[in-house]
Protein backbone atom coordinates (compact mmCIF):
# COMPACT_ATOMS: atom_id res chain seq x y z
CA MET A 1 -2.37 7.38 -34.83
CA LYS A 2 -3.06 7.02 -31.10
CA GLU A 3 -3.32 10.16 -29.02
CA LYS A 4 -0.62 10.63 -26.40
CA ILE A 5 -1.66 10.60 -22.76
CA TYR A 6 0.73 11.43 -19.93
CA ILE A 7 0.72 9.45 -16.67
CA THR A 8 2.42 11.09 -13.72
CA GLY A 9 2.82 10.79 -9.98
CA HIS A 10 3.53 13.67 -7.64
CA ARG A 11 6.58 15.91 -7.30
CA ASN A 12 9.53 14.46 -5.35
CA PRO A 13 8.30 10.98 -6.31
CA ASP A 14 8.50 8.01 -3.98
CA THR A 15 8.41 4.34 -4.95
CA ASP A 16 4.60 4.19 -5.10
CA SER A 17 4.46 7.26 -7.33
CA ILE A 18 6.99 5.89 -9.84
CA CYS A 19 5.84 2.27 -9.83
CA SER A 20 2.13 3.11 -10.15
CA THR A 21 2.98 5.45 -13.06
CA LEU A 22 4.84 2.72 -14.94
CA ALA A 23 2.29 -0.01 -14.18
CA TYR A 24 -0.70 2.06 -15.19
CA SER A 25 1.07 3.17 -18.38
CA PHE A 26 1.53 -0.52 -19.23
CA LEU A 27 -2.15 -1.17 -18.55
CA LEU A 28 -3.27 1.71 -20.79
CA GLU A 29 -0.94 0.63 -23.55
CA ASN A 30 -2.69 -2.69 -23.75
CA ARG A 31 -6.31 -1.63 -23.42
CA SER A 32 -6.98 1.88 -24.78
CA GLU A 33 -6.91 4.19 -27.77
CA TYR A 34 -4.15 6.22 -26.12
CA ASP A 35 -0.38 6.17 -26.50
CA PRO A 36 0.65 6.33 -22.81
CA GLN A 37 3.71 8.36 -21.86
CA PRO A 38 4.94 7.73 -18.29
CA ILE A 39 6.62 10.81 -16.87
CA ARG A 40 8.09 11.88 -13.53
CA LEU A 41 8.27 15.31 -11.92
CA GLY A 42 11.41 14.80 -9.83
CA GLU A 43 14.51 12.74 -9.17
CA ILE A 44 14.46 9.02 -8.41
CA ASN A 45 15.31 8.21 -4.77
CA ARG A 46 17.61 5.38 -3.69
CA GLU A 47 14.87 2.94 -2.77
CA THR A 48 13.05 3.42 -6.07
CA GLN A 49 16.30 3.08 -8.06
CA PHE A 50 16.91 -0.24 -6.30
CA VAL A 51 13.46 -1.45 -7.36
CA LEU A 52 13.92 -0.36 -10.99
CA ASP A 53 17.35 -1.98 -11.18
CA TYR A 54 16.11 -5.19 -9.54
CA PHE A 55 13.37 -5.68 -12.14
CA GLY A 56 15.25 -4.15 -15.07
CA VAL A 57 12.82 -1.32 -15.79
CA GLU A 58 13.71 2.14 -17.08
CA PRO A 59 12.39 5.13 -15.08
CA PRO A 60 9.73 7.42 -16.52
CA ARG A 61 10.99 10.36 -18.57
CA PHE A 62 11.53 13.54 -16.54
CA LYS A 63 9.20 16.37 -17.52
CA GLU A 64 8.85 19.74 -15.86
CA SER A 65 6.13 21.29 -18.01
CA ILE A 66 2.86 20.12 -19.49
CA LYS A 67 2.57 23.02 -21.89
CA PRO A 68 1.95 21.70 -25.42
CA GLN A 69 5.20 21.27 -27.32
CA VAL A 70 6.11 20.76 -30.95
CA ARG A 71 6.82 17.07 -30.18
CA ASP A 72 3.11 16.67 -29.35
CA PHE A 73 1.95 17.65 -32.86
CA GLN A 74 1.21 15.02 -35.45
CA MET A 75 3.71 16.85 -37.64
CA ASP A 76 4.17 16.33 -41.37
CA LYS A 77 6.80 13.93 -42.60
CA GLY A 78 10.32 15.32 -42.61
CA ILE A 79 11.15 15.52 -46.34
CA THR A 80 14.70 16.81 -46.85
CA ILE A 81 16.90 17.35 -49.90
CA GLU A 82 20.61 17.77 -50.53
CA GLU A 83 22.08 21.01 -51.84
CA SER A 84 23.04 19.37 -55.17
CA LEU A 85 19.42 18.51 -56.05
CA SER A 86 18.19 20.27 -59.18
CA LEU A 87 15.64 23.08 -59.04
CA TYR A 88 13.57 20.92 -61.39
CA LYS A 89 13.46 18.05 -58.89
CA ALA A 90 12.76 20.41 -55.99
CA LEU A 91 9.79 21.98 -57.81
CA LYS A 92 8.45 18.55 -58.68
CA LEU A 93 8.77 17.39 -55.07
CA MET A 94 6.97 20.49 -53.79
CA SER A 95 4.15 19.95 -56.24
CA GLU A 96 3.72 16.26 -55.42
CA SER A 97 3.87 16.72 -51.64
CA GLY A 98 2.02 20.01 -51.37
CA ILE A 99 4.90 21.49 -49.34
CA GLY A 100 5.86 25.11 -49.89
CA ASN A 101 9.48 24.78 -48.83
CA LEU A 102 12.09 22.08 -48.37
CA PRO A 103 14.86 21.78 -45.79
CA VAL A 104 18.33 21.34 -47.29
CA VAL A 105 20.74 19.11 -45.35
CA ASP A 106 24.39 18.12 -45.59
CA GLU A 107 25.83 14.60 -45.62
CA GLU A 108 25.39 14.30 -41.83
CA LYS A 109 21.71 15.29 -42.22
CA HIS A 110 22.27 18.64 -40.47
CA LEU A 111 20.16 21.54 -41.69
CA ILE A 112 22.15 23.99 -43.85
CA GLY A 113 19.38 25.90 -45.64
CA ILE A 114 15.79 26.10 -46.79
CA VAL A 115 14.54 26.44 -50.34
CA SER A 116 11.00 27.70 -50.88
CA LEU A 117 8.74 27.99 -53.88
CA SER A 118 9.12 31.75 -53.69
CA ASP A 119 12.92 31.38 -53.70
CA ILE A 120 12.75 29.48 -56.98
CA THR A 121 10.17 31.70 -58.70
CA LYS A 122 12.08 34.82 -57.63
CA SER A 123 15.22 33.37 -59.19
CA TYR A 124 13.49 33.46 -62.61
CA MET A 125 13.67 37.24 -62.50
CA ASP A 126 16.95 37.70 -60.66
CA ILE A 127 19.47 35.09 -61.80
CA TRP A 128 18.05 32.92 -64.62
CA ASP A 129 20.25 34.12 -67.44
CA ASP A 130 22.58 32.34 -69.84
CA GLY A 131 25.27 32.05 -67.15
CA ILE A 132 23.19 30.30 -64.47
CA LEU A 133 24.87 26.91 -64.90
CA GLY A 134 28.32 28.42 -65.00
CA ARG A 135 27.78 30.21 -61.69
CA SER A 136 26.69 27.01 -59.89
CA ASN A 137 27.99 23.55 -59.25
CA THR A 138 25.54 22.00 -61.71
CA THR A 139 26.21 18.30 -62.25
CA TRP A 140 25.80 16.32 -65.43
CA GLU A 141 23.37 14.08 -63.54
CA ASN A 142 21.05 17.04 -63.00
CA ILE A 143 21.17 17.95 -66.69
CA VAL A 144 20.56 14.39 -67.84
CA ASP A 145 17.60 14.18 -65.43
CA VAL A 146 15.99 17.47 -66.44
CA LEU A 147 16.30 16.81 -70.18
CA SER A 148 15.75 13.03 -69.99
CA ALA A 149 18.93 12.95 -72.03
CA THR A 150 21.18 10.12 -73.19
CA PRO A 151 24.97 10.55 -72.74
CA LEU A 152 26.94 9.91 -75.96
CA THR A 153 30.33 10.45 -74.30
CA PRO A 154 31.40 9.57 -70.74
CA PRO A 155 30.07 12.55 -68.74
CA GLU A 156 31.93 11.56 -65.58
CA ASN A 157 35.22 12.43 -67.35
CA GLY A 158 33.93 15.70 -68.77
CA ARG A 159 34.87 19.32 -68.10
CA GLU A 160 33.15 21.56 -65.60
CA PHE A 161 30.22 23.51 -67.05
CA LYS A 162 31.53 27.02 -66.43
CA GLY A 163 30.48 28.81 -69.61
CA LYS A 164 27.24 30.39 -70.80
CA ILE A 165 24.26 28.65 -72.43
CA THR A 166 24.18 29.24 -76.21
CA ILE A 167 21.96 28.03 -79.07
CA TYR A 168 24.10 27.42 -82.16
CA ALA A 169 21.73 29.09 -84.66
CA MET A 170 24.24 30.56 -87.15
CA HIS A 171 26.55 29.23 -89.81
CA PRO A 172 30.05 28.54 -88.51
CA GLU A 173 31.52 31.37 -90.67
CA ASN A 174 29.20 33.84 -88.95
CA ILE A 175 29.33 32.59 -85.38
CA GLY A 176 32.45 34.53 -84.47
CA ASP A 177 33.00 34.75 -80.72
CA HIS A 178 29.37 34.05 -79.86
CA ILE A 179 30.59 30.62 -78.79
CA GLN A 180 33.61 30.44 -76.53
CA GLU A 181 35.66 27.85 -74.69
CA GLY A 182 33.71 26.18 -71.87
CA ASP A 183 30.25 27.16 -73.17
CA ILE A 184 27.18 24.93 -73.06
CA VAL A 185 25.95 24.60 -76.62
CA ILE A 186 22.47 23.57 -77.82
CA LEU A 187 22.29 22.46 -81.47
CA GLY A 188 20.63 20.00 -83.83
CA ASP A 189 21.77 17.80 -86.71
CA ARG A 190 24.12 20.28 -88.43
CA TYR A 191 27.45 18.48 -88.58
CA ASP A 192 29.41 21.61 -89.43
CA ALA A 193 28.08 23.29 -86.27
CA GLN A 194 28.83 20.18 -84.21
CA ARG A 195 32.43 20.07 -85.43
CA ASP A 196 32.91 23.81 -84.92
CA ALA A 197 31.62 23.58 -81.30
CA ILE A 198 34.05 20.76 -80.58
CA GLU A 199 36.96 22.69 -82.08
CA LYS A 200 36.08 25.71 -79.92
CA ASP A 201 36.52 23.53 -76.78
CA VAL A 202 33.03 23.94 -75.37
CA SER A 203 32.26 21.99 -72.15
CA LEU A 204 28.90 20.51 -73.16
CA ILE A 205 27.04 19.82 -76.40
CA ILE A 206 23.32 19.05 -76.22
CA LEU A 207 21.85 17.55 -79.40
CA THR A 208 18.11 18.28 -79.61
CA GLY A 209 15.35 16.40 -81.42
CA GLY A 210 16.98 13.07 -80.54
CA PHE A 211 19.74 13.59 -83.12
CA ASP A 212 23.04 11.71 -83.03
CA MET A 213 26.65 12.65 -83.80
CA LYS A 214 29.16 11.07 -86.15
CA GLU A 215 31.53 8.66 -84.46
CA GLU A 216 34.56 10.65 -85.61
CA TYR A 217 33.13 13.76 -83.95
CA LEU A 218 32.31 11.81 -80.81
CA GLU A 219 35.92 10.59 -80.71
CA MET A 220 37.12 14.21 -81.02
CA ALA A 221 34.81 15.17 -78.14
CA ARG A 222 36.08 12.32 -75.95
CA LYS A 223 39.70 13.40 -76.45
CA LYS A 224 38.82 16.97 -75.50
CA ARG A 225 36.70 15.75 -72.50
CA ILE A 226 33.61 17.41 -73.95
CA THR A 227 30.34 15.92 -72.74
CA VAL A 228 27.81 15.17 -75.49
CA LEU A 229 24.13 14.51 -74.67
CA SER A 230 21.13 13.77 -76.84
CA THR A 231 17.57 14.76 -75.84
CA GLN A 232 14.19 14.36 -77.49
CA PHE A 233 13.23 17.95 -76.63
CA ASN A 234 13.50 20.64 -79.32
CA SER A 235 15.85 23.59 -78.96
CA PHE A 236 13.20 25.87 -77.39
CA MET A 237 12.21 23.36 -74.68
CA THR A 238 15.83 22.44 -74.06
CA ALA A 239 16.80 26.07 -73.49
CA ARG A 240 13.74 26.56 -71.28
CA LEU A 241 14.38 23.51 -69.12
CA LEU A 242 18.16 23.65 -68.86
CA PRO A 243 18.37 26.38 -66.15
CA GLN A 244 16.27 24.13 -63.88
CA ALA A 245 19.25 21.75 -63.71
CA ALA A 246 20.98 24.25 -61.42
CA PRO A 247 21.29 23.00 -57.82
CA VAL A 248 19.09 24.36 -55.06
CA GLU A 249 22.16 25.71 -53.25
CA LEU A 250 22.08 28.54 -55.80
CA VAL A 251 18.80 29.95 -54.47
CA MET A 252 18.33 28.47 -50.97
CA SER A 253 18.22 30.66 -47.88
CA THR A 254 21.03 30.05 -45.40
CA GLU A 255 20.71 32.94 -42.94
CA ASP A 256 18.04 33.78 -40.34
CA LEU A 257 16.37 30.42 -40.88
CA VAL A 258 13.06 29.98 -39.06
CA VAL A 259 13.07 26.53 -37.52
CA PHE A 260 11.60 24.91 -34.43
CA TYR A 261 12.86 22.27 -32.03
CA GLU A 262 10.69 19.44 -30.75
CA ASP A 263 10.90 20.86 -27.20
CA ASP A 264 9.62 24.33 -28.19
CA THR A 265 6.28 25.26 -26.64
CA VAL A 266 3.21 26.20 -28.63
CA ASP A 267 3.36 29.72 -27.18
CA GLU A 268 6.88 30.17 -28.56
CA VAL A 269 5.88 28.76 -31.95
CA GLN A 270 2.81 31.03 -32.24
CA ALA A 271 4.88 34.14 -31.55
CA ILE A 272 7.50 33.28 -34.17
CA MET A 273 4.98 32.20 -36.81
CA GLY A 274 3.14 35.49 -36.33
CA ASP A 275 6.27 37.38 -37.40
CA SER A 276 7.16 35.21 -40.43
CA ARG A 277 5.65 34.42 -43.81
CA TYR A 278 6.36 30.75 -44.49
CA ARG A 279 3.78 28.04 -45.16
CA SER A 280 5.67 25.38 -43.23
CA TYR A 281 8.64 25.19 -40.88
CA PRO A 282 11.26 22.46 -40.30
CA VAL A 283 11.34 20.75 -36.90
CA LEU A 284 14.75 19.64 -35.55
CA ASP A 285 15.80 17.26 -32.82
CA HIS A 286 18.57 17.96 -30.31
CA LYS A 287 21.18 16.85 -32.93
CA ASP A 288 19.86 19.41 -35.45
CA HIS A 289 18.45 16.64 -37.63
CA VAL A 290 15.19 17.40 -39.44
CA ILE A 291 12.43 15.17 -38.09
CA GLY A 292 9.36 16.79 -39.65
CA SER A 293 7.64 20.04 -40.45
CA ILE A 294 4.73 22.02 -39.01
CA SER A 295 2.47 24.80 -40.26
CA ARG A 296 -0.20 27.10 -38.86
CA TYR A 297 -2.64 24.25 -39.41
CA HIS A 298 -1.02 22.31 -36.60
CA LEU A 299 -1.50 25.24 -34.20
CA ILE A 300 -5.21 25.50 -35.08
CA ASN A 301 -5.67 21.77 -34.45
CA ASN A 302 -3.60 21.71 -31.26
CA SER A 303 -5.27 20.42 -28.11
CA ARG A 304 -4.13 20.34 -24.51
CA LYS A 305 -2.15 17.34 -23.29
CA LYS A 306 -4.21 14.69 -21.56
CA LEU A 307 -3.12 13.74 -18.04
CA VAL A 308 -3.63 10.81 -15.70
CA LEU A 309 -2.70 11.59 -12.10
CA VAL A 310 -1.63 8.70 -9.90
CA ASP A 311 -0.83 8.75 -6.18
CA HIS A 312 -1.97 12.38 -5.75
CA ASN A 313 -4.90 14.68 -6.40
CA GLU A 314 -3.54 17.88 -4.89
CA LYS A 315 -2.60 20.78 -7.15
CA SER A 316 0.49 21.78 -5.14
CA GLN A 317 1.90 18.25 -5.54
CA SER A 318 1.40 18.00 -9.29
CA ILE A 319 3.15 19.51 -12.29
CA GLU A 320 3.39 23.28 -11.96
CA ASP A 321 1.51 24.28 -15.11
CA ILE A 322 -1.18 21.66 -14.70
CA GLU A 323 -3.80 24.18 -15.94
CA ASP A 324 -2.31 23.76 -19.42
CA GLY A 325 -3.22 20.07 -19.41
CA GLU A 326 -6.51 18.21 -19.39
CA ILE A 327 -6.96 15.73 -16.54
CA VAL A 328 -8.86 12.66 -17.69
CA GLU A 329 -8.19 10.18 -14.87
CA ILE A 330 -7.13 10.20 -11.22
CA ILE A 331 -6.12 7.10 -9.25
CA ASP A 332 -5.16 7.77 -5.65
CA HIS A 333 -5.33 6.63 -2.03
CA HIS A 334 -5.00 10.05 -0.34
CA ARG A 335 -7.61 12.54 0.82
CA VAL A 336 -9.58 14.33 -1.86
CA ALA A 337 -7.95 17.76 -2.17
CA ASN A 338 -8.16 20.78 -4.45
CA ILE A 339 -7.59 19.48 -7.98
CA SER A 340 -10.21 20.83 -10.40
CA THR A 341 -11.06 19.42 -13.83
CA SER A 342 -12.66 20.88 -16.93
CA GLY A 343 -15.09 17.98 -17.23
CA PRO A 344 -16.07 14.65 -15.71
CA VAL A 345 -13.16 12.26 -15.17
CA TYR A 346 -12.56 8.71 -14.12
CA PHE A 347 -11.69 9.10 -10.40
CA ARG A 348 -10.78 6.05 -8.35
CA ASN A 349 -9.88 6.70 -4.72
CA GLU A 350 -9.72 3.93 -2.15
CA PRO A 351 -8.69 3.91 1.55
CA VAL A 352 -5.77 1.53 1.10
CA GLY A 353 -2.10 1.83 1.90
CA SER A 354 -0.80 2.26 -1.66
CA THR A 355 -1.95 3.46 -5.07
CA SER A 356 -0.24 0.36 -6.49
CA THR A 357 -2.75 -1.76 -4.56
CA ILE A 358 -5.54 -0.11 -6.56
CA ILE A 359 -3.73 -0.60 -9.87
CA GLY A 360 -3.04 -4.23 -8.97
CA LYS A 361 -6.77 -4.65 -8.36
CA ILE A 362 -7.56 -3.09 -11.75
CA PHE A 363 -5.39 -5.74 -13.44
CA MET A 364 -7.28 -8.47 -11.60
CA GLU A 365 -10.72 -6.97 -12.28
CA LYS A 366 -9.98 -6.97 -15.98
CA GLY A 367 -8.72 -10.53 -15.90
CA LEU A 368 -5.17 -9.47 -16.83
CA ARG A 369 -2.02 -10.99 -15.42
CA PRO A 370 0.75 -8.37 -15.18
CA PRO A 371 4.17 -9.49 -16.44
CA LYS A 372 6.81 -10.32 -13.83
CA ALA A 373 8.48 -6.89 -13.91
CA ILE A 374 5.21 -4.96 -13.56
CA ALA A 375 4.05 -7.23 -10.77
CA GLY A 376 7.42 -6.63 -9.07
CA LEU A 377 7.05 -2.87 -9.31
CA LEU A 378 3.55 -2.96 -7.83
CA ALA A 379 4.59 -5.32 -5.03
CA SER A 380 7.59 -3.09 -4.19
CA ALA A 381 5.38 -0.01 -3.96
CA ILE A 382 2.92 -1.73 -1.61
CA ILE A 383 5.78 -2.88 0.64
CA SER A 384 7.22 0.63 0.60
CA ASP A 385 4.05 2.60 1.25
CA THR A 386 2.79 0.26 4.02
CA LEU A 387 6.27 -0.18 5.54
CA LEU A 388 5.68 -3.92 5.20
CA PHE A 389 2.31 -3.48 7.01
CA ARG A 390 3.79 -1.60 9.98
CA SER A 391 2.09 1.60 8.82
CA PRO A 392 -1.41 2.35 10.18
CA THR A 393 -2.47 3.01 6.56
CA ALA A 394 -2.00 -0.67 5.69
CA THR A 395 -5.18 -2.70 5.09
CA PRO A 396 -6.00 -6.38 4.57
CA GLU A 397 -6.64 -5.49 0.92
CA ASP A 398 -3.01 -4.34 0.54
CA LYS A 399 -1.83 -7.67 1.95
CA ARG A 400 -4.17 -9.68 -0.30
CA VAL A 401 -3.02 -7.92 -3.47
CA LEU A 402 0.66 -8.04 -2.41
CA ASN A 403 0.56 -11.81 -1.92
CA ILE A 404 -0.80 -12.32 -5.44
CA LEU A 405 1.74 -9.95 -7.03
CA ALA A 406 4.67 -11.40 -5.11
CA LYS A 407 3.97 -14.86 -6.53
CA ILE A 408 3.96 -13.45 -10.08
CA ALA A 409 7.16 -11.49 -9.42
CA ASN A 410 8.75 -14.55 -7.76
CA ILE A 411 9.97 -12.71 -4.67
CA ASP A 412 10.12 -13.65 -0.99
CA ILE A 413 8.28 -10.69 0.56
CA GLU A 414 10.21 -10.51 3.85
CA LYS A 415 13.65 -11.07 2.35
CA TYR A 416 13.05 -8.71 -0.59
CA ALA A 417 11.64 -6.00 1.73
CA MET A 418 14.79 -6.06 3.85
CA GLU A 419 16.98 -5.62 0.77
CA MET A 420 14.82 -2.78 -0.52
CA PHE A 421 14.64 -0.92 2.80
CA ARG A 422 18.39 -1.34 3.36
CA ALA A 423 19.11 0.17 -0.07
CA GLY A 424 16.65 3.00 0.44
CA THR A 425 17.53 4.00 4.00
CA SER A 426 21.29 4.06 3.74
CA LEU A 427 22.43 7.56 4.76
CA GLU A 428 26.05 7.12 3.79
CA GLY A 429 27.25 10.25 2.02
CA VAL A 430 23.79 11.81 1.92
CA GLN A 431 23.67 15.61 2.19
CA PRO A 432 20.97 17.47 4.18
CA GLU A 433 19.41 18.98 1.04
CA GLU A 434 19.10 15.49 -0.47
CA LEU A 435 17.29 14.17 2.61
CA LEU A 436 14.92 17.14 2.67
CA ASN A 437 13.95 16.86 -1.00
CA ALA A 438 13.80 13.09 -1.46
CA ASP A 439 10.25 12.60 -0.20
CA VAL A 440 8.57 15.91 0.53
CA LYS A 441 5.04 17.20 -0.03
CA GLU A 442 3.33 20.54 0.40
CA PHE A 443 -0.14 20.85 1.89
CA LEU A 444 -2.57 23.71 2.37
CA ILE A 445 -4.15 22.98 5.78
CA GLU A 446 -6.66 25.41 7.28
CA GLY A 447 -5.10 28.21 5.25
CA ALA A 448 -1.52 27.41 6.32
CA SER A 449 1.17 26.33 3.85
CA VAL A 450 2.83 23.29 5.35
CA ARG A 451 5.83 21.37 4.00
CA VAL A 452 6.28 17.80 5.27
CA ALA A 453 9.28 15.61 4.44
CA GLN A 454 9.83 12.03 5.59
CA VAL A 455 13.01 10.02 5.74
CA PHE A 456 13.04 6.30 6.58
CA THR A 457 16.06 4.72 8.24
CA MET A 458 17.11 1.58 10.05
CA ASP A 459 19.36 3.54 12.39
CA LEU A 460 17.83 6.75 13.76
CA GLU A 461 20.87 7.50 15.96
CA ASN A 462 22.99 8.23 12.87
CA ILE A 463 20.86 11.33 12.21
CA SER A 464 21.92 13.17 15.36
CA GLY A 465 25.23 14.26 13.91
CA ILE A 466 23.61 16.22 11.09
CA LYS A 467 20.48 17.46 12.89
CA GLU A 468 21.74 21.04 13.19
CA ASP A 469 22.59 21.09 9.48
CA LEU A 470 19.16 19.72 8.68
CA PHE A 471 17.48 22.43 10.72
CA ARG A 472 19.44 25.24 8.99
CA GLU A 473 18.64 23.81 5.56
CA MET A 474 14.96 23.40 6.48
CA GLU A 475 14.69 27.01 7.63
CA MET A 476 16.30 28.24 4.40
CA ILE A 477 13.94 26.16 2.26
CA ARG A 478 10.89 27.24 4.30
CA LYS A 479 11.69 30.91 3.75
CA GLU A 480 12.48 30.39 0.07
CA LYS A 481 9.23 28.46 -0.54
CA ARG A 482 7.25 30.81 1.73
CA ASN A 483 5.89 27.97 3.83
CA ASP A 484 4.39 28.67 7.26
CA SER A 485 5.89 25.44 8.63
CA PHE A 486 8.36 22.75 7.61
CA PHE A 487 8.24 19.40 9.44
CA LEU A 488 10.77 16.60 8.87
CA ILE A 489 9.77 13.09 10.01
CA LEU A 490 12.78 10.85 10.65
CA THR A 491 11.31 7.36 10.89
CA ASP A 492 12.95 4.19 12.19
CA ILE A 493 10.96 1.55 10.33
CA PHE A 494 11.53 -1.38 12.64
CA LYS A 495 11.60 0.39 16.01
CA GLU A 496 8.38 2.10 14.89
CA VAL A 497 9.37 5.50 16.22
CA SER A 498 9.98 8.86 14.58
CA GLU A 499 11.85 12.01 15.48
CA VAL A 500 10.20 15.18 14.17
CA VAL A 501 12.37 18.21 13.37
CA THR A 502 10.35 21.44 13.07
CA THR A 503 10.72 24.98 11.77
CA GLY A 504 8.33 27.91 11.44
CA LYS A 505 4.92 28.08 13.06
CA TYR A 506 3.05 25.50 15.18
CA GLN A 507 6.16 23.71 16.51
CA GLU A 508 5.16 23.52 20.17
CA GLU A 509 1.50 22.98 19.27
CA LEU A 510 2.44 19.95 17.17
CA ALA A 511 4.64 18.49 19.91
CA ARG A 512 1.73 18.78 22.38
CA GLU A 513 -0.55 16.91 19.96
CA PHE A 514 1.87 13.98 20.28
CA ASP A 515 2.05 14.46 24.09
CA GLN A 516 5.68 15.45 23.75
CA LYS A 517 7.82 18.44 24.67
CA LEU A 518 9.71 20.39 22.01
CA GLU A 519 13.46 20.45 22.68
CA GLU A 520 15.95 22.07 20.34
CA ASN A 521 13.34 22.23 17.56
CA SER A 522 12.54 18.52 17.66
CA PHE A 523 10.63 15.87 19.54
CA VAL A 524 10.33 12.06 19.53
CA ALA A 525 6.97 10.52 18.54
CA PRO A 526 6.65 6.79 19.36
CA GLY A 527 4.43 4.92 16.90
CA LEU A 528 4.53 7.68 14.26
CA LEU A 529 5.00 6.02 10.86
CA SER A 530 2.49 7.53 8.46
CA ARG A 531 2.62 11.08 7.17
CA LYS A 532 -0.89 10.78 5.70
CA LYS A 533 -2.83 9.01 8.42
CA GLN A 534 -0.98 10.11 11.56
CA MET A 535 0.97 13.28 10.87
CA LEU A 536 -1.46 15.37 8.81
CA PRO A 537 -4.40 15.09 11.26
CA LYS A 538 -2.09 16.15 14.11
CA ILE A 539 -0.85 19.14 12.08
CA LYS A 540 -4.43 20.21 11.44
CA ASP A 541 -5.25 19.97 15.17
CA ALA A 542 -2.08 21.92 16.00
CA ILE A 543 -3.05 24.72 13.64
CA LEU A 544 -6.57 24.90 15.06
CA SER A 545 -5.47 24.75 18.69
């Protein structure tokens, strides 16, 4: 079985983060020993949703923790039984599978109990007496199975087995009330005993040693709805095996069941296993269906989840508990930041406008042609991150790779870009908190915690009506996140100008770096398009000034 590996972009993902995640997952799926799992750390923005819908691709699964979970174990097969199964069959199944307990499910496959080897062995001392079948809903099928018996009368029309188990070992004149109506009677080839048992209206007659019954007696039994079975076992073995025909519902545990769900973390599992005594534990899905079982063995052999980071290499931008994972690859186009790894990793970082450019190049270097949808995702991300080559981060390499991918995806670059930007920059009905969290990153710059969000639009004037609301929301978020500064870049893509709204420290210093004056907590910055290449260096200079 291939080992799972998780591919993820940064928090508050943009189009490049999502598309590079999906494209690299596809690449790994076709060339490695891993089972790639594309994940995302935040909500999909409007532009990215347009891209996914356009090419008919599902978004990565949302995941907020990388802590090992039960779903990450190579768990044992989920063997379940129904409550009517015989103790005999349950014991046999445990022996053959090496499992110490079995989950019991109802008709809808929901867990209703657990039967363990200790439950069955304990029942020998507590409840295995001559009334065990009478106290349970034991079926004739269970009895036939346990005794390898042959029905001599139609068992499906027989009476319920509500009496005690009795061996007919006396002469009829001496039996007295040892045999009563409804009893389960074990006897051999004595015809007088057979007739007497029928006349006493027992519920079941078991003929041992393979013996038969006269047809006239069988006819009497049929009229009285008495089930007659014949088994090759002798009376001792029959009496010994018969209690094992009782259903597992008689001994199964139904209260305080110890089970785990596939989303439970290893820490939670370890704590619960430490306080319980079982050899294995059922694992349930969100519908309470049993999907497998785990034991302490799985905890011993558990390893940290393997991670591939795309479009970021900064700890504050990655999954919060990243220390619980093992980074094995990083593919990025940003500055090298503060991510640390436990060992050597594959690290590919290039000064291009988009991580998707790098992944597109990897396809080409390996002689692989991405399918139309994957090529479309990569092309969309390059268009988005370079603002169709208006951004100063754009390079000739981005343009070269985009032209190749666009042909595979069968898109007109200019026309498609306009559709994508129009879908992504529409501000109709957008709330301030949505704008501030759609594309935001945190940076640690010269010891200062800086939060930088960017919003692209085709109509910057429409922002003025909600600027005050944006500022109030920014200040609240800054205080909540304990950032020193929060800067919002409102960028008009085609006029190639941005308005920067600021809160916290370094507001005036930043405005001066752009040769502008701060007015009402904002300033206009002509030519500002890139957060990475233009904004971050100015922030650093403002902090140091």
